[in-house]
PDB file of N, CA and C in Angstrom:
ATOM      1  N   MET A   1     -18.048  89.604 -81.401  1.00  0.00           N
ATOM      2  CA  MET A   1     -18.705  90.766 -80.860  1.00  0.00           C
ATOM      3  C   MET A   1     -19.974  91.018 -81.664  1.00  0.00           C
ATOM      4  N   THR A   2     -21.049  91.312 -80.977  1.00  0.00           N
ATOM      5  CA  THR A   2     -22.284  91.734 -81.624  1.00  0.00           C
ATOM      6  C   THR A   2     -22.690  93.075 -81.040  1.00  0.00           C
ATOM      7  N   LEU A   3     -23.299  93.910 -81.878  1.00  0.00           N
ATOM      8  CA  LEU A   3     -23.752  95.217 -81.443  1.00  0.00           C
ATOM      9  C   LEU A   3     -25.090  95.481 -82.098  1.00  0.00           C
ATOM     10  N   SER A   4     -26.048  95.907 -81.302  1.00  0.00           N
ATOM     11  CA  SER A   4     -27.377  96.227 -81.801  1.00  0.00           C
ATOM     12  C   SER A   4     -27.758  97.611 -81.306  1.00  0.00           C
ATOM     13  N   ILE A   5     -28.243  98.456 -82.222  1.00  0.00           N
ATOM     14  CA  ILE A   5     -28.713  99.788 -81.845  1.00  0.00           C
ATOM     15  C   ILE A   5     -30.124  99.946 -82.396  1.00  0.00           C
ATOM     16  N   GLU A   6     -31.043 100.279 -81.520  1.00  0.00           N
ATOM     17  CA  GLU A   6     -32.432 100.505 -81.915  1.00  0.00           C
ATOM     18  C   GLU A   6     -32.769 101.963 -81.634  1.00  0.00           C
ATOM     19  N   PHE A   7     -33.078 102.703 -82.692  1.00  0.00           N
ATOM     20  CA  PHE A   7     -33.450 104.104 -82.538  1.00  0.00           C
ATOM     21  C   PHE A   7     -34.941 104.150 -82.235  1.00  0.00           C
ATOM     22  N   LYS A   8     -35.293 104.721 -81.089  1.00  0.00           N
ATOM     23  CA  LYS A   8     -36.674 104.704 -80.601  1.00  0.00           C
ATOM     24  C   LYS A   8     -37.468 105.952 -80.956  1.00  0.00           C
ATOM     25  N   ALA A   9     -36.837 107.121 -80.997  1.00  0.00           N
ATOM     26  CA  ALA A   9     -37.556 108.372 -81.233  1.00  0.00           C
ATOM     27  C   ALA A   9     -36.586 109.403 -81.811  1.00  0.00           C
ATOM     28  N   PRO A  10     -37.106 110.353 -82.581  1.00  0.00           N
ATOM     29  CA  PRO A  10     -36.235 111.428 -83.067  1.00  0.00           C
ATOM     30  C   PRO A  10     -35.856 112.365 -81.917  1.00  0.00           C
ATOM     31  N   ILE A  11     -34.765 113.075 -82.083  1.00  0.00           N
ATOM     32  CA  ILE A  11     -34.342 114.031 -81.064  1.00  0.00           C
ATOM     33  C   ILE A  11     -35.331 115.197 -81.073  1.00  0.00           C
ATOM     34  N   PRO A  12     -35.966 115.481 -79.953  1.00  0.00           N
ATOM     35  CA  PRO A  12     -36.932 116.583 -79.929  1.00  0.00           C
ATOM     36  C   PRO A  12     -36.242 117.950 -79.990  1.00  0.00           C
ATOM     37  N   ARG A  13     -36.981 118.926 -80.465  1.00  0.00           N
ATOM     38  CA  ARG A  13     -36.454 120.298 -80.482  1.00  0.00           C
ATOM     39  C   ARG A  13     -36.264 120.773 -79.036  1.00  0.00           C
ATOM     40  N   PRO A  14     -35.273 121.644 -78.806  1.00  0.00           N
ATOM     41  CA  PRO A  14     -35.080 122.182 -77.450  1.00  0.00           C
ATOM     42  C   PRO A  14     -36.356 122.876 -76.962  1.00  0.00           C
ATOM     43  N   SER A  15     -36.675 122.649 -75.707  1.00  0.00           N
ATOM     44  CA  SER A  15     -37.862 123.258 -75.110  1.00  0.00           C
ATOM     45  C   SER A  15     -37.626 123.384 -73.611  1.00  0.00           C
ATOM     46  N   GLU A  16     -38.657 123.758 -72.879  1.00  0.00           N
ATOM     47  CA  GLU A  16     -38.505 123.850 -71.420  1.00  0.00           C
ATOM     48  C   GLU A  16     -38.343 122.468 -70.783  1.00  0.00           C
ATOM     49  N   PHE A  17     -38.607 121.395 -71.549  1.00  0.00           N
ATOM     50  CA  PHE A  17     -38.491 120.037 -71.014  1.00  0.00           C
ATOM     51  C   PHE A  17     -37.336 119.239 -71.610  1.00  0.00           C
ATOM     52  N   HIS A  18     -36.726 119.726 -72.710  1.00  0.00           N
ATOM     53  CA  HIS A  18     -35.659 118.990 -73.387  1.00  0.00           C
ATOM     54  C   HIS A  18     -34.466 119.896 -73.671  1.00  0.00           C
ATOM     55  N   ALA A  19     -33.290 119.455 -73.260  1.00  0.00           N
ATOM     56  CA  ALA A  19     -32.059 120.215 -73.453  1.00  0.00           C
ATOM     57  C   ALA A  19     -31.646 120.220 -74.920  1.00  0.00           C
ATOM     58  N   SER A  20     -30.855 121.218 -75.296  1.00  0.00           N
ATOM     59  CA  SER A  20     -30.419 121.340 -76.685  1.00  0.00           C
ATOM     60  C   SER A  20     -29.166 120.524 -76.990  1.00  0.00           C
ATOM     61  N   ARG A  21     -28.326 120.224 -75.977  1.00  0.00           N
ATOM     62  CA  ARG A  21     -27.073 119.525 -76.261  1.00  0.00           C
ATOM     63  C   ARG A  21     -26.666 118.528 -75.172  1.00  0.00           C
ATOM     64  N   THR A  22     -27.598 118.109 -74.361  1.00  0.00           N
ATOM     65  CA  THR A  22     -27.283 117.163 -73.289  1.00  0.00           C
ATOM     66  C   THR A  22     -28.270 115.999 -73.335  1.00  0.00           C
ATOM     67  N   VAL A  23     -27.751 114.792 -73.131  1.00  0.00           N
ATOM     68  CA  VAL A  23     -28.597 113.610 -73.015  1.00  0.00           C
ATOM     69  C   VAL A  23     -28.226 112.884 -71.734  1.00  0.00           C
ATOM     70  N   GLY A  24     -29.080 111.980 -71.318  1.00  0.00           N
ATOM     71  CA  GLY A  24     -28.801 111.147 -70.157  1.00  0.00           C
ATOM     72  C   GLY A  24     -28.563 109.720 -70.616  1.00  0.00           C
ATOM     73  N   LEU A  25     -27.645 109.033 -69.964  1.00  0.00           N
ATOM     74  CA  LEU A  25     -27.345 107.645 -70.296  1.00  0.00           C
ATOM     75  C   LEU A  25     -27.614 106.747 -69.105  1.00  0.00           C
ATOM     76  N   TYR A  26     -28.203 105.605 -69.381  1.00  0.00           N
ATOM     77  CA  TYR A  26     -28.329 104.543 -68.390  1.00  0.00           C
ATOM     78  C   TYR A  26     -27.539 103.385 -68.954  1.00  0.00           C
ATOM     79  N   SER A  27     -26.642 102.827 -68.179  1.00  0.00           N
ATOM     80  CA  SER A  27     -25.786 101.753 -68.672  1.00  0.00           C
ATOM     81  C   SER A  27     -25.622 100.683 -67.609  1.00  0.00           C
ATOM     82  N   THR A  28     -25.623  99.457 -68.050  1.00  0.00           N
ATOM     83  CA  THR A  28     -25.331  98.340 -67.160  1.00  0.00           C
ATOM     84  C   THR A  28     -24.527  97.301 -67.935  1.00  0.00           C
ATOM     85  N   GLY A  29     -23.652  96.625 -67.245  1.00  0.00           N
ATOM     86  CA  GLY A  29     -22.833  95.595 -67.875  1.00  0.00           C
ATOM     87  C   GLY A  29     -22.612  94.452 -66.916  1.00  0.00           C
ATOM     88  N   LYS A  30     -22.384  93.269 -67.478  1.00  0.00           N
ATOM     89  CA  LYS A  30     -22.115  92.120 -66.605  1.00  0.00           C
ATOM     90  C   LYS A  30     -21.203  91.138 -67.323  1.00  0.00           C
ATOM     91  N   PHE A  31     -20.428  90.430 -66.521  1.00  0.00           N
ATOM     92  CA  PHE A  31     -19.562  89.375 -67.020  1.00  0.00           C
ATOM     93  C   PHE A  31     -20.222  88.044 -66.729  1.00  0.00           C
ATOM     94  N   ILE A  32     -20.225  87.181 -67.705  1.00  0.00           N
ATOM     95  CA  ILE A  32     -20.719  85.818 -67.526  1.00  0.00           C
ATOM     96  C   ILE A  32     -19.517  84.908 -67.750  1.00  0.00           C
ATOM     97  N   GLY A  33     -19.158  84.131 -66.762  1.00  0.00           N
ATOM     98  CA  GLY A  33     -17.960  83.299 -66.863  1.00  0.00           C
ATOM     99  C   GLY A  33     -16.709  84.090 -66.514  1.00  0.00           C
ATOM    100  N   HIS A  34     -16.843  85.032 -65.581  1.00  0.00           N
ATOM    101  CA  HIS A  34     -15.742  85.886 -65.157  1.00  0.00           C
ATOM    102  C   HIS A  34     -14.599  85.046 -64.645  1.00  0.00           C
ATOM    103  N   PRO A  35     -13.339  85.274 -64.879  1.00  0.00           N
ATOM    104  CA  PRO A  35     -12.762  86.455 -65.509  1.00  0.00           C
ATOM    105  C   PRO A  35     -12.685  86.364 -67.031  1.00  0.00           C
ATOM    106  N   ARG A  36     -12.939  85.213 -67.625  1.00  0.00           N
ATOM    107  CA  ARG A  36     -12.943  85.112 -69.082  1.00  0.00           C
ATOM    108  C   ARG A  36     -14.344  84.791 -69.527  1.00  0.00           C
ATOM    109  N   GLY A  37     -14.614  85.001 -70.748  1.00  0.00           N
ATOM    110  CA  GLY A  37     -15.900  84.604 -71.274  1.00  0.00           C
ATOM    111  C   GLY A  37     -16.669  85.745 -71.875  1.00  0.00           C
ATOM    112  N   ARG A  38     -17.909  85.806 -71.493  1.00  0.00           N
ATOM    113  CA  ARG A  38     -18.842  86.711 -72.146  1.00  0.00           C
ATOM    114  C   ARG A  38     -19.053  87.993 -71.338  1.00  0.00           C
ATOM    115  N   HIS A  39     -19.131  89.107 -72.046  1.00  0.00           N
ATOM    116  CA  HIS A  39     -19.404  90.403 -71.412  1.00  0.00           C
ATOM    117  C   HIS A  39     -20.579  91.029 -72.151  1.00  0.00           C
ATOM    118  N   GLU A  40     -21.619  91.393 -71.417  1.00  0.00           N
ATOM    119  CA  GLU A  40     -22.804  92.008 -72.017  1.00  0.00           C
ATOM    120  C   GLU A  40     -22.965  93.423 -71.500  1.00  0.00           C
ATOM    121  N   THR A  41     -23.357  94.331 -72.393  1.00  0.00           N
ATOM    122  CA  THR A  41     -23.580  95.728 -72.034  1.00  0.00           C
ATOM    123  C   THR A  41     -24.934  96.163 -72.585  1.00  0.00           C
ATOM    124  N   TYR A  42     -25.673  96.937 -71.790  1.00  0.00           N
ATOM    125  CA  TYR A  42     -26.976  97.481 -72.174  1.00  0.00           C
ATOM    126  C   TYR A  42     -26.949  98.976 -71.905  1.00  0.00           C
ATOM    127  N   VAL A  43     -27.342  99.789 -72.892  1.00  0.00           N
ATOM    128  CA  VAL A  43     -27.301 101.243 -72.750  1.00  0.00           C
ATOM    129  C   VAL A  43     -28.599 101.841 -73.283  1.00  0.00           C
ATOM    130  N   GLU A  44     -29.146 102.808 -72.536  1.00  0.00           N
ATOM    131  CA  GLU A  44     -30.286 103.603 -72.994  1.00  0.00           C
ATOM    132  C   GLU A  44     -29.835 105.055 -73.084  1.00  0.00           C
ATOM    133  N   VAL A  45     -30.263 105.750 -74.141  1.00  0.00           N
ATOM    134  CA  VAL A  45     -29.980 107.181 -74.313  1.00  0.00           C
ATOM    135  C   VAL A  45     -31.303 107.924 -74.183  1.00  0.00           C
ATOM    136  N   TRP A  46     -31.356 108.863 -73.238  1.00  0.00           N
ATOM    137  CA  TRP A  46     -32.579 109.615 -72.944  1.00  0.00           C
ATOM    138  C   TRP A  46     -32.342 111.099 -73.137  1.00  0.00           C
ATOM    139  N   THR A  47     -33.420 111.848 -73.425  1.00  0.00           N
ATOM    140  CA  THR A  47     -33.324 113.300 -73.426  1.00  0.00           C
ATOM    141  C   THR A  47     -33.053 113.756 -71.999  1.00  0.00           C
ATOM    142  N   ALA A  48     -32.568 114.978 -71.870  1.00  0.00           N
ATOM    143  CA  ALA A  48     -32.297 115.556 -70.548  1.00  0.00           C
ATOM    144  C   ALA A  48     -33.137 116.819 -70.386  1.00  0.00           C
ATOM    145  N   PRO A  49     -33.505 117.162 -69.142  1.00  0.00           N
ATOM    146  CA  PRO A  49     -34.366 118.330 -68.933  1.00  0.00           C
ATOM    147  C   PRO A  49     -33.645 119.662 -69.131  1.00  0.00           C
ATOM    148  N   THR A  50     -32.336 119.710 -68.857  1.00  0.00           N
ATOM    149  CA  THR A  50     -31.564 120.946 -69.024  1.00  0.00           C
ATOM    150  C   THR A  50     -30.156 120.583 -69.465  1.00  0.00           C
ATOM    151  N   ASN A  51     -29.463 121.541 -70.049  1.00  0.00           N
ATOM    152  CA  ASN A  51     -28.055 121.339 -70.369  1.00  0.00           C
ATOM    153  C   ASN A  51     -27.258 121.295 -69.071  1.00  0.00           C
ATOM    154  N   ILE A  52     -26.136 120.624 -69.103  1.00  0.00           N
ATOM    155  CA  ILE A  52     -25.313 120.500 -67.905  1.00  0.00           C
ATOM    156  C   ILE A  52     -24.918 121.882 -67.392  1.00  0.00           C
ATOM    157  N   GLY A  53     -25.180 122.132 -66.114  1.00  0.00           N
ATOM    158  CA  GLY A  53     -24.823 123.390 -65.480  1.00  0.00           C
ATOM    159  C   GLY A  53     -25.749 124.554 -65.794  1.00  0.00           C
ATOM    160  N   GLU A  54     -26.850 124.280 -66.479  1.00  0.00           N
ATOM    161  CA  GLU A  54     -27.782 125.364 -66.829  1.00  0.00           C
ATOM    162  C   GLU A  54     -29.171 125.039 -66.300  1.00  0.00           C
ATOM    163  N   GLY A  55     -29.814 126.021 -65.741  1.00  0.00           N
ATOM    164  CA  GLY A  55     -31.208 125.883 -65.332  1.00  0.00           C
ATOM    165  C   GLY A  55     -31.426 124.872 -64.217  1.00  0.00           C
ATOM    166  N   GLU A  56     -32.664 124.785 -63.818  1.00  0.00           N
ATOM    167  CA  GLU A  56     -33.097 123.859 -62.776  1.00  0.00           C
ATOM    168  C   GLU A  56     -34.195 122.966 -63.340  1.00  0.00           C
ATOM    169  N   PRO A  57     -34.175 121.669 -63.044  1.00  0.00           N
ATOM    170  CA  PRO A  57     -35.248 120.818 -63.530  1.00  0.00           C
ATOM    171  C   PRO A  57     -36.597 121.187 -62.913  1.00  0.00           C
ATOM    172  N   ILE A  58     -37.638 121.039 -63.702  1.00  0.00           N
ATOM    173  CA  ILE A  58     -39.007 121.341 -63.277  1.00  0.00           C
ATOM    174  C   ILE A  58     -39.601 120.084 -62.646  1.00  0.00           C
ATOM    175  N   ASP A  59     -40.509 120.253 -61.675  1.00  0.00           N
ATOM    176  CA  ASP A  59     -41.173 119.088 -61.079  1.00  0.00           C
ATOM    177  C   ASP A  59     -41.803 118.237 -62.174  1.00  0.00           C
ATOM    178  N   GLY A  60     -41.666 116.913 -62.046  1.00  0.00           N
ATOM    179  CA  GLY A  60     -42.253 115.991 -63.014  1.00  0.00           C
ATOM    180  C   GLY A  60     -41.474 115.878 -64.311  1.00  0.00           C
ATOM    181  N   TRP A  61     -40.212 116.335 -64.328  1.00  0.00           N
ATOM    182  CA  TRP A  61     -39.423 116.321 -65.558  1.00  0.00           C
ATOM    183  C   TRP A  61     -39.214 114.919 -66.105  1.00  0.00           C
ATOM    184  N   ARG A  62     -39.124 113.916 -65.228  1.00  0.00           N
ATOM    185  CA  ARG A  62     -38.888 112.537 -65.697  1.00  0.00           C
ATOM    186  C   ARG A  62     -40.014 112.025 -66.593  1.00  0.00           C
ATOM    187  N   ASP A  63     -41.230 112.446 -66.309  1.00  0.00           N
ATOM    188  CA  ASP A  63     -42.374 111.994 -67.102  1.00  0.00           C
ATOM    189  C   ASP A  63     -42.348 112.544 -68.523  1.00  0.00           C
ATOM    190  N   LYS A  64     -41.592 113.598 -68.759  1.00  0.00           N
ATOM    191  CA  LYS A  64     -41.573 114.240 -70.068  1.00  0.00           C
ATOM    192  C   LYS A  64     -40.355 113.849 -70.909  1.00  0.00           C
ATOM    193  N   GLN A  65     -39.455 113.044 -70.356  1.00  0.00           N
ATOM    194  CA  GLN A  65     -38.271 112.650 -71.101  1.00  0.00           C
ATOM    195  C   GLN A  65     -38.601 111.522 -72.089  1.00  0.00           C
ATOM    196  N   VAL A  66     -37.797 111.435 -73.147  1.00  0.00           N
ATOM    197  CA  VAL A  66     -38.029 110.483 -74.229  1.00  0.00           C
ATOM    198  C   VAL A  66     -36.808 109.584 -74.376  1.00  0.00           C
ATOM    199  N   CYS A  67     -37.039 108.285 -74.520  1.00  0.00           N
ATOM    200  CA  CYS A  67     -35.943 107.352 -74.805  1.00  0.00           C
ATOM    201  C   CYS A  67     -35.605 107.479 -76.286  1.00  0.00           C
ATOM    202  N   LEU A  68     -34.368 107.868 -76.587  1.00  0.00           N
ATOM    203  CA  LEU A  68     -33.944 108.091 -77.964  1.00  0.00           C
ATOM    204  C   LEU A  68     -33.399 106.829 -78.625  1.00  0.00           C
ATOM    205  N   ALA A  69     -32.677 106.012 -77.868  1.00  0.00           N
ATOM    206  CA  ALA A  69     -32.060 104.820 -78.451  1.00  0.00           C
ATOM    207  C   ALA A  69     -31.727 103.811 -77.358  1.00  0.00           C
ATOM    208  N   ILE A  70     -31.680 102.545 -77.776  1.00  0.00           N
ATOM    209  CA  ILE A  70     -31.267 101.444 -76.899  1.00  0.00           C
ATOM    210  C   ILE A  70     -30.188 100.664 -77.638  1.00  0.00           C
ATOM    211  N   SER A  71     -29.134 100.324 -76.926  1.00  0.00           N
ATOM    212  CA  SER A  71     -28.046  99.566 -77.526  1.00  0.00           C
ATOM    213  C   SER A  71     -27.704  98.363 -76.645  1.00  0.00           C
ATOM    214  N   THR A  72     -27.463  97.232 -77.289  1.00  0.00           N
ATOM    215  CA  THR A  72     -26.964  96.057 -76.579  1.00  0.00           C
ATOM    216  C   THR A  72     -25.683  95.610 -77.278  1.00  0.00           C
ATOM    217  N   GLN A  73     -24.758  95.114 -76.483  1.00  0.00           N
ATOM    218  CA  GLN A  73     -23.496  94.633 -77.025  1.00  0.00           C
ATOM    219  C   GLN A  73     -23.090  93.383 -76.270  1.00  0.00           C
ATOM    220  N   MET A  74     -22.557  92.405 -77.005  1.00  0.00           N
ATOM    221  CA  MET A  74     -22.060  91.179 -76.380  1.00  0.00           C
ATOM    222  C   MET A  74     -20.677  90.894 -76.957  1.00  0.00           C
ATOM    223  N   ASN A  75     -19.731  90.653 -76.077  1.00  0.00           N
ATOM    224  CA  ASN A  75     -18.365  90.286 -76.473  1.00  0.00           C
ATOM    225  C   ASN A  75     -18.048  88.929 -75.894  1.00  0.00           C
ATOM    226  N   LEU A  76     -17.347  88.131 -76.649  1.00  0.00           N
ATOM    227  CA  LEU A  76     -16.888  86.836 -76.165  1.00  0.00           C
ATOM    228  C   LEU A  76     -15.372  86.826 -76.245  1.00  0.00           C
ATOM    229  N   ALA A  77     -14.736  86.652 -75.113  1.00  0.00           N
ATOM    230  CA  ALA A  77     -13.273  86.638 -75.051  1.00  0.00           C
ATOM    231  C   ALA A  77     -12.805  85.228 -74.722  1.00  0.00           C
ATOM    232  N   ILE A  78     -11.856  84.748 -75.539  1.00  0.00           N
ATOM    233  CA  ILE A  78     -11.259  83.442 -75.255  1.00  0.00           C
ATOM    234  C   ILE A  78      -9.747  83.622 -75.158  1.00  0.00           C
ATOM    235  N   PRO A  79      -9.078  82.792 -74.385  1.00  0.00           N
ATOM    236  CA  PRO A  79      -7.625  82.920 -74.253  1.00  0.00           C
ATOM    237  C   PRO A  79      -6.929  82.782 -75.605  1.00  0.00           C
ATOM    238  N   PHE A  80      -5.843  83.530 -75.792  1.00  0.00           N
ATOM    239  CA  PHE A  80      -5.131  83.528 -77.061  1.00  0.00           C
ATOM    240  C   PHE A  80      -4.641  82.144 -77.442  1.00  0.00           C
ATOM    241  N   ASP A  81      -4.153  81.366 -76.483  1.00  0.00           N
ATOM    242  CA  ASP A  81      -3.628  80.040 -76.823  1.00  0.00           C
ATOM    243  C   ASP A  81      -4.724  79.140 -77.406  1.00  0.00           C
ATOM    244  N   GLN A  82      -5.950  79.233 -76.915  1.00  0.00           N
ATOM    245  CA  GLN A  82      -7.053  78.461 -77.493  1.00  0.00           C
ATOM    246  C   GLN A  82      -7.390  78.949 -78.891  1.00  0.00           C
ATOM    247  N   ALA A  83      -7.411  80.242 -79.087  1.00  0.00           N
ATOM    248  CA  ALA A  83      -7.729  80.804 -80.397  1.00  0.00           C
ATOM    249  C   ALA A  83      -6.656  80.442 -81.418  1.00  0.00           C
ATOM    250  N   SER A  84      -5.379  80.500 -81.026  1.00  0.00           N
ATOM    251  CA  SER A  84      -4.304  80.197 -81.972  1.00  0.00           C
ATOM    252  C   SER A  84      -4.297  78.714 -82.340  1.00  0.00           C
ATOM    253  N   LYS A  85      -4.626  77.819 -81.409  1.00  0.00           N
ATOM    254  CA  LYS A  85      -4.721  76.395 -81.728  1.00  0.00           C
ATOM    255  C   LYS A  85      -5.822  76.144 -82.747  1.00  0.00           C
ATOM    256  N   LYS A  86      -6.960  76.816 -82.568  1.00  0.00           N
ATOM    257  CA  LYS A  86      -8.067  76.657 -83.510  1.00  0.00           C
ATOM    258  C   LYS A  86      -7.670  77.191 -84.884  1.00  0.00           C
ATOM    259  N   MET A  87      -6.963  78.314 -84.925  1.00  0.00           N
ATOM    260  CA  MET A  87      -6.529  78.880 -86.205  1.00  0.00           C
ATOM    261  C   MET A  87      -5.547  77.935 -86.891  1.00  0.00           C
ATOM    262  N   ASP A  88      -4.649  77.309 -86.124  1.00  0.00           N
ATOM    263  CA  ASP A  88      -3.684  76.368 -86.705  1.00  0.00           C
ATOM    264  C   ASP A  88      -4.403  75.183 -87.326  1.00  0.00           C
ATOM    265  N   ARG A  89      -5.436  74.652 -86.632  1.00  0.00           N
ATOM    266  CA  ARG A  89      -6.196  73.506 -87.163  1.00  0.00           C
ATOM    267  C   ARG A  89      -6.916  73.888 -88.458  1.00  0.00           C
ATOM    268  N   GLU A  90      -7.490  75.084 -88.487  1.00  0.00           N
ATOM    269  CA  GLU A  90      -8.233  75.506 -89.677  1.00  0.00           C
ATOM    270  C   GLU A  90      -7.322  75.766 -90.859  1.00  0.00           C
ATOM    271  N   THR A  91      -6.133  76.334 -90.651  1.00  0.00           N
ATOM    272  CA  THR A  91      -5.224  76.587 -91.769  1.00  0.00           C
ATOM    273  C   THR A  91      -4.621  75.282 -92.267  1.00  0.00           C
ATOM    274  N   THR A  92      -4.478  74.269 -91.410  1.00  0.00           N
ATOM    275  CA  THR A  92      -3.971  72.978 -91.821  1.00  0.00           C
ATOM    276  C   THR A  92      -4.937  72.301 -92.781  1.00  0.00           C
ATOM    277  N   ARG A  93      -6.241  72.460 -92.548  1.00  0.00           N
ATOM    278  CA  ARG A  93      -7.258  71.845 -93.418  1.00  0.00           C
ATOM    279  C   ARG A  93      -7.266  72.456 -94.806  1.00  0.00           C
ATOM    280  N   LEU A  94      -6.842  73.712 -94.932  1.00  0.00           N
ATOM    281  CA  LEU A  94      -6.847  74.376 -96.230  1.00  0.00           C
ATOM    282  C   LEU A  94      -5.739  73.824 -97.054  1.00  0.00           C
TER     283      LEU A  94
END
């Protein structure tokens, strides 16, 4: 498993364009070699125009939002029987 987090901007102070306790997430994931194999995930964390259930967004609010962080993750899954065979070979060499 690998995980990368890139912090893009500091959290802005609450204002008419940025919520005090709400962020927006964009996420996508895909399997490569489905049903086994590699799984990749990409996530962006953005400021939000208002807190959930409070206020109404102002026209053009998207242009004023800030990307706070980007994260990528990759997992590689292999069947247990293959992993255990490899572990047996490696412990035999020791």
